[in-house]
Protein backbone atom coordinates (compact mmCIF):
# COMPACT_ATOMS: atom_id res chain seq x y z
CA MET A 1 72.15 -32.17 74.73
CA PHE A 2 71.61 -33.15 71.00
CA PRO A 3 68.81 -35.66 71.65
CA THR A 4 66.89 -32.98 73.89
CA ALA A 5 67.00 -30.61 71.04
CA LEU A 6 65.88 -33.33 68.47
CA PHE A 7 63.00 -34.20 70.72
CA SER A 8 61.84 -30.52 71.04
CA LEU A 9 61.86 -30.23 67.18
CA VAL A 10 60.00 -33.42 66.74
CA LEU A 11 57.43 -32.03 69.32
CA ALA A 12 57.04 -28.72 67.72
CA LEU A 13 56.43 -30.44 64.46
CA VAL A 14 53.83 -32.57 66.01
CA ALA A 15 51.96 -29.79 67.38
CA VAL A 16 52.12 -27.69 64.23
CA VAL A 17 50.62 -30.97 62.39
CA ILE A 18 47.85 -31.22 65.02
CA LEU A 19 46.93 -27.59 64.93
CA PHE A 20 46.86 -27.67 61.02
CA LYS A 21 44.51 -30.72 61.43
CA ALA A 22 42.35 -28.97 64.12
CA VAL A 23 41.56 -25.74 62.61
CA ARG A 24 39.92 -25.71 59.16
CA MET A 25 38.70 -22.89 57.36
CA VAL A 26 36.20 -23.64 54.78
CA PRO A 27 36.22 -21.08 51.65
CA GLN A 28 32.77 -19.51 50.59
CA GLY A 29 30.97 -21.33 48.06
CA TYR A 30 32.23 -24.59 49.25
CA GLU A 31 31.07 -27.20 51.76
CA TRP A 32 33.38 -29.94 53.17
CA THR A 33 32.24 -33.45 54.75
CA VAL A 34 33.86 -34.49 57.83
CA GLU A 35 34.63 -38.24 58.60
CA ARG A 36 35.12 -40.15 61.70
CA PHE A 37 37.58 -43.07 61.20
CA GLY A 38 36.35 -42.81 57.42
CA ARG A 39 32.70 -42.41 58.09
CA TYR A 40 30.52 -39.61 57.33
CA THR A 41 29.33 -37.50 60.27
CA HIS A 42 28.29 -34.17 59.19
CA THR A 43 29.05 -31.19 56.91
CA MET A 44 30.90 -28.08 57.45
CA SER A 45 29.70 -24.91 55.85
CA PRO A 46 31.84 -21.86 54.93
CA GLY A 47 33.84 -20.44 57.99
CA LEU A 48 36.23 -21.65 60.49
CA HIS A 49 35.82 -25.00 62.12
CA PHE A 50 37.76 -26.99 64.62
CA LEU A 51 38.21 -30.71 64.54
CA ILE A 52 39.98 -33.36 66.88
CA PRO A 53 43.04 -34.58 64.79
CA ILE A 54 43.56 -38.17 64.17
CA VAL A 55 39.68 -38.88 65.10
CA TYR A 56 37.97 -36.42 62.54
CA GLY A 57 39.16 -35.66 59.22
CA VAL A 58 37.92 -33.86 56.06
CA GLY A 59 36.46 -36.24 53.46
CA ARG A 60 35.31 -34.51 50.36
CA LYS A 61 35.44 -30.77 49.27
CA VAL A 62 32.17 -30.13 47.40
CA ASN A 63 31.74 -27.12 45.13
CA MET A 64 28.23 -25.75 45.92
CA MET A 65 27.96 -23.08 43.20
CA GLU A 66 26.34 -23.40 40.00
CA GLN A 67 28.52 -25.11 37.33
CA VAL A 68 28.56 -25.63 33.66
CA LEU A 69 29.23 -28.90 32.06
CA ASP A 70 30.07 -29.51 28.37
CA VAL A 71 28.28 -32.54 26.91
CA PRO A 72 30.75 -33.93 24.05
CA GLY A 73 29.28 -34.49 20.65
CA GLN A 74 27.58 -37.68 19.51
CA GLU A 75 26.02 -39.30 16.53
CA VAL A 76 22.14 -39.57 16.97
CA ILE A 77 19.70 -41.19 14.76
CA THR A 78 16.52 -39.46 14.22
CA LYS A 79 12.85 -41.06 13.80
CA ASP A 80 13.33 -40.74 10.07
CA ASN A 81 16.82 -42.40 9.77
CA ALA A 82 18.83 -39.34 9.44
CA ALA A 83 22.15 -39.11 11.30
CA VAL A 84 22.94 -35.87 13.11
CA ARG A 85 25.68 -34.95 15.58
CA VAL A 86 24.46 -33.34 18.53
CA ASP A 87 26.12 -31.82 21.68
CA GLY A 88 25.04 -29.62 24.34
CA VAL A 89 25.78 -27.79 27.91
CA VAL A 90 24.32 -28.56 31.22
CA PHE A 91 23.89 -25.86 34.02
CA PHE A 92 23.58 -27.62 37.55
CA GLN A 93 24.21 -26.88 41.22
CA VAL A 94 24.84 -29.18 44.21
CA LEU A 95 22.20 -28.77 47.10
CA ASP A 96 23.13 -31.57 49.19
CA ALA A 97 27.21 -32.17 49.78
CA ALA A 98 26.74 -35.56 51.29
CA LYS A 99 24.64 -37.06 48.53
CA ALA A 100 26.86 -35.61 45.82
CA ALA A 101 30.07 -36.88 47.56
CA TYR A 102 28.93 -40.40 48.64
CA GLU A 103 25.79 -41.40 46.52
CA VAL A 104 27.71 -41.33 43.10
CA ALA A 105 31.21 -41.92 42.36
CA ILE A 106 32.11 -39.16 39.81
CA LEU A 107 29.56 -36.86 39.49
CA GLU A 108 30.47 -35.08 36.47
CA VAL A 109 31.03 -38.42 34.56
CA ALA A 110 27.59 -39.72 35.50
CA MET A 111 25.71 -36.55 34.68
CA ILE A 112 27.53 -36.55 31.22
CA ALA A 113 26.55 -40.31 30.46
CA LEU A 114 23.09 -39.63 31.71
CA VAL A 115 22.51 -36.49 29.44
CA GLN A 116 23.78 -38.33 26.36
CA THR A 117 21.69 -41.32 26.88
CA ASN A 118 18.50 -39.08 27.23
CA ILE A 119 19.45 -36.82 24.04
CA ARG A 120 19.63 -39.98 22.16
CA THR A 121 16.09 -41.11 23.31
CA VAL A 122 14.50 -37.69 22.86
CA ILE A 123 15.95 -36.87 19.31
CA GLY A 124 15.40 -40.59 18.36
CA SER A 125 11.64 -40.02 18.83
CA MET A 126 11.34 -37.04 16.46
CA ASP A 127 11.80 -36.38 12.81
CA LEU A 128 14.75 -34.53 11.42
CA ASP A 129 12.52 -31.42 10.63
CA GLU A 130 11.13 -31.36 14.37
CA SER A 131 14.71 -31.90 15.84
CA LEU A 132 16.01 -28.96 13.83
CA SER A 133 13.05 -26.45 14.57
CA GLN A 134 11.98 -27.59 18.36
CA ARG A 135 14.97 -27.14 20.45
CA GLU A 136 13.06 -25.56 23.34
CA VAL A 137 11.02 -28.92 23.27
CA ILE A 138 14.20 -31.02 23.42
CA ASN A 139 15.64 -28.82 26.07
CA ALA A 140 12.32 -28.99 28.18
CA LYS A 141 12.23 -32.99 28.04
CA LEU A 142 15.82 -33.52 28.71
CA LEU A 143 15.79 -31.12 31.72
CA SER A 144 12.83 -32.80 33.19
CA VAL A 145 14.07 -36.36 32.94
CA VAL A 146 17.79 -35.43 33.98
CA ASP A 147 16.56 -33.41 36.84
CA HIS A 148 14.54 -36.19 38.21
CA ALA A 149 17.27 -38.60 37.70
CA THR A 150 19.91 -36.48 39.65
CA ASN A 151 17.95 -35.86 42.37
CA PRO A 152 18.91 -38.72 44.57
CA TRP A 153 22.49 -37.38 44.15
CA GLY A 154 21.53 -34.01 45.89
CA VAL A 155 22.16 -32.06 42.30
CA LYS A 156 19.65 -29.57 40.91
CA VAL A 157 19.66 -29.21 37.05
CA ASN A 158 18.89 -25.57 36.11
CA ARG A 159 19.14 -25.82 32.60
CA ILE A 160 20.13 -27.99 29.44
CA GLU A 161 20.79 -26.29 25.99
CA ILE A 162 21.14 -28.09 22.96
CA ARG A 163 24.11 -26.15 21.70
CA ASP A 164 24.26 -27.54 18.08
CA ILE A 165 22.77 -30.14 15.77
CA GLN A 166 24.58 -30.83 12.59
CA PRO A 167 23.06 -32.88 9.78
CA PRO A 168 25.26 -34.69 7.14
CA ARG A 169 26.58 -32.67 4.34
CA ASP A 170 24.68 -33.95 1.61
CA LEU A 171 21.52 -33.48 3.57
CA LEU A 172 22.62 -29.89 4.13
CA ASP A 173 22.95 -29.45 0.67
CA ALA A 174 19.53 -31.11 -0.29
CA MET A 175 17.92 -28.68 2.80
CA ALA A 176 19.66 -25.87 0.98
CA ARG A 177 18.36 -26.50 -2.47
CA GLN A 178 14.68 -27.22 -0.96
CA MET A 179 15.19 -23.78 0.78
CA LYS A 180 16.00 -22.14 -2.31
CA ALA A 181 12.98 -23.67 -4.26
CA GLU A 182 10.82 -22.61 -1.57
CA ARG A 183 12.02 -19.03 -1.59
CA GLU A 184 11.79 -18.83 -5.37
CA LYS A 185 8.13 -20.15 -5.19
CA ARG A 186 7.21 -17.61 -2.56
CA ALA A 187 8.84 -14.87 -4.73
CA GLN A 188 7.04 -15.92 -7.97
CA ILE A 189 3.71 -16.23 -5.88
CA LEU A 190 4.28 -12.76 -4.51
CA GLU A 191 5.14 -11.32 -7.81
CA ALA A 192 1.89 -12.97 -9.32
CA GLU A 193 -0.18 -11.51 -6.58
CA GLY A 194 1.43 -8.21 -7.25
CA SER A 195 0.74 -8.48 -10.82
CA ARG A 196 -2.78 -9.31 -9.94
CA GLN A 197 -3.30 -6.45 -7.70
CA SER A 198 -2.03 -4.20 -10.10
CA GLU A 199 -4.12 -5.54 -12.81
CA ILE A 200 -7.26 -5.34 -10.42
CA LEU A 201 -6.57 -1.59 -9.45
CA ARG A 202 -5.91 -0.72 -13.12
CA ALA A 203 -9.20 -2.06 -13.94
CA GLU A 204 -10.71 -0.40 -11.22
CA GLY A 205 -9.24 2.98 -12.19
CA GLU A 206 -10.36 2.33 -15.96
CA LYS A 207 -13.89 1.62 -14.56
CA GLN A 208 -14.27 4.79 -12.44
CA ALA A 209 -12.50 6.84 -15.38
CA THR A 210 -15.44 5.32 -17.70
CA VAL A 211 -18.08 6.02 -15.13
CA LEU A 212 -16.95 9.35 -14.57
CA GLU A 213 -16.52 10.18 -18.36
CA ALA A 214 -20.32 8.83 -18.92
CA GLU A 215 -21.41 10.84 -16.14
CA GLY A 216 -19.72 14.03 -17.57
CA ARG A 217 -21.18 13.12 -20.77
CA LYS A 218 -24.61 12.73 -19.27
CA GLU A 219 -24.17 16.09 -17.53
CA ALA A 220 -22.90 17.78 -20.61
CA ALA A 221 -25.86 16.50 -22.70
CA PHE A 222 -28.24 17.55 -19.98
CA ARG A 223 -26.81 21.02 -19.84
CA ASP A 224 -26.95 21.28 -23.62
CA ALA A 225 -30.56 20.19 -23.58
CA GLU A 226 -31.47 22.64 -21.00
CA ALA A 227 -29.48 25.38 -22.82
CA ARG A 228 -31.37 24.39 -26.10
CA GLU A 229 -34.70 24.54 -24.25
CA ARG A 230 -33.85 27.84 -22.86
CA GLN A 231 -32.74 29.04 -26.45
CA ALA A 232 -35.88 27.72 -27.67
CA GLU A 233 -38.05 29.31 -25.16
CA ALA A 234 -36.26 32.47 -25.65
CA GLU A 235 -36.83 32.37 -29.54
CA ALA A 236 -40.38 31.40 -28.95
CA LYS A 237 -40.67 34.42 -26.53
CA ALA A 238 -39.26 36.81 -29.09
CA THR A 239 -41.42 35.31 -31.98
CA ARG A 240 -44.49 35.80 -29.51
CA MET A 241 -43.51 39.30 -28.83
CA VAL A 242 -42.99 40.14 -32.52
CA SER A 243 -46.36 38.78 -33.31
CA GLU A 244 -48.00 40.76 -30.91
CA ALA A 245 -46.23 43.98 -32.06
CA ILE A 246 -47.23 42.86 -35.46
CA ALA A 247 -50.88 42.34 -34.20
CA GLN A 248 -50.79 45.81 -32.88
CA GLY A 249 -49.88 47.35 -36.22
CA ASP A 250 -46.16 47.75 -35.40
CA VAL A 251 -44.34 47.10 -38.65
CA GLN A 252 -40.97 47.91 -37.50
CA ALA A 253 -40.82 44.90 -35.04
CA ILE A 254 -40.94 42.34 -38.02
CA ASN A 255 -38.41 44.23 -40.07
CA TYR A 256 -36.14 44.09 -36.90
CA PHE A 257 -36.91 40.40 -36.37
CA ILE A 258 -36.09 39.28 -40.19
CA ALA A 259 -32.96 41.54 -40.36
CA GLN A 260 -31.54 39.88 -37.02
CA LYS A 261 -32.09 36.54 -38.69
CA TYR A 262 -30.65 37.55 -41.87
CA VAL A 263 -27.40 38.87 -40.17
CA GLU A 264 -27.00 35.77 -37.97
CA ALA A 265 -27.23 33.40 -40.76
CA PHE A 266 -24.59 35.44 -42.76
CA LYS A 267 -22.30 35.39 -39.54
CA GLU A 268 -22.47 31.58 -39.37
CA LEU A 269 -21.83 31.11 -43.10
CA ALA A 270 -18.79 33.45 -42.90
CA THR A 271 -17.27 31.58 -39.63
CA SER A 272 -17.62 28.11 -41.13
CA PRO A 273 -14.48 25.86 -40.55
CA ASN A 274 -15.00 24.51 -44.08
CA GLN A 275 -15.00 28.04 -45.88
CA LYS A 276 -11.59 29.50 -46.26
CA LEU A 277 -12.92 32.54 -48.65
CA VAL A 278 -16.59 33.30 -48.93
CA LEU A 279 -17.76 35.46 -52.02
CA MET A 280 -21.22 36.30 -52.52
CA PRO A 281 -22.87 39.65 -53.60
CA MET A 282 -24.36 41.57 -50.80
CA GLU A 283 -26.61 44.73 -51.54
CA ALA A 284 -28.33 46.67 -48.84
CA SER A 285 -30.90 47.65 -51.03
CA GLY A 286 -31.92 43.99 -51.97
CA VAL A 287 -32.28 43.28 -48.02
CA ILE A 288 -34.34 46.51 -47.54
CA GLY A 289 -36.51 45.46 -50.58
CA SER A 290 -37.25 41.86 -49.07
CA ILE A 291 -38.06 43.69 -45.87
CA ALA A 292 -40.27 46.06 -47.40
CA GLY A 293 -42.04 43.09 -49.25
CA VAL A 294 -42.55 41.30 -45.99
CA ALA A 295 -43.80 44.63 -44.47
CA GLU A 296 -46.32 45.03 -47.22
CA LEU A 297 -47.86 41.48 -46.60
CA ALA A 298 -47.81 42.42 -42.80
CA ARG A 299 -49.99 45.55 -43.88
CA GLU A 300 -52.38 43.05 -45.73
CA ALA A 301 -52.80 40.93 -43.00
CA PHE A 302 -53.53 43.89 -40.44
CA ALA A 303 -56.08 45.18 -43.23
CA ARG A 304 -57.79 41.65 -43.29
CA GLN A 305 -58.05 41.69 -39.58
CA GLU A 306 -59.66 45.14 -39.54
CA GLU A 307 -62.29 44.05 -41.90
CA LYS A 308 -63.12 41.20 -40.09
CA LYS A 309 -63.72 43.10 -36.92
CA PRO A 310 -67.45 43.82 -36.25
CA THR A 311 -68.68 47.35 -36.80
CA ARG A 312 -70.45 49.00 -33.68
CA ALA A 313 -73.71 50.53 -34.19
CA VAL A 314 -73.82 54.28 -34.07
CA PRO A 315 -76.53 55.66 -31.58
CA PRO A 316 -79.02 58.28 -33.21
CA ARG A 317 -78.66 61.71 -32.13
CA VAL A 318 -81.25 63.62 -30.52
CA GLY A 319 -82.02 66.95 -31.63
CA GLY A 320 -82.41 70.26 -29.68
């Protein structure tokens, strides 16, 4: 009785093991390789699969999703003999599970070694300033070389990014001093340019002001000359009218003309800025006497003109 139960239990355990070995479920994002007596036969994609136990077995379980691989930092000598510490990161994806499983022993270790070697090659061919300022160029060169080298392994390298480039401390201090000097130089240049531009604008403004002032003086002088010309024309016209009036025998015209000039002269003398007080004798009879004397002179001039005129002959009268 007891041996029969034990035998039944062993058979049940064997059946469970065989069932477990026969039925395989591959998760999404992975591919499993199948081996027959240790030799690769095919690859199982995600889903449910059945295998013959003992004859077939699962070889490698390969991750087919994009993966991130950290590249440890290392000392690299640049072209100008500057030691820098460089680290990075690699984004890759397995496209062929069989090649990734059987063409290389440890894929991650092989990729890290390959990337580190190419980092030393690329940065060693560049100066320090180029390596610090041209990371995109470094990334592109590394991606081209590493992707081509990992192609036989069934791996696609999508991106390689240089994460950090650290120069030595003394070199960082020298670069900081250089950057400070450059910024001070740029600041001085900009300040000088600003001063120069300010002086130019000030000179332009003074020039324009001088030109406008000269034009204003020119216009004012022209206006004054025109006003004097008009005044001279008016005086000449007034003098001519007075002369014509005198020639026609109107003595009051010259009296008015002389009195007006006399009053204007006295007004200008009274309003002179250099005179605070003006005292002078003024008698109306003296002014009238002067005007009367001038009038007598005018009458004599009229008499001479009358004498010079030719007399017309009187025609004889005819009687009856």
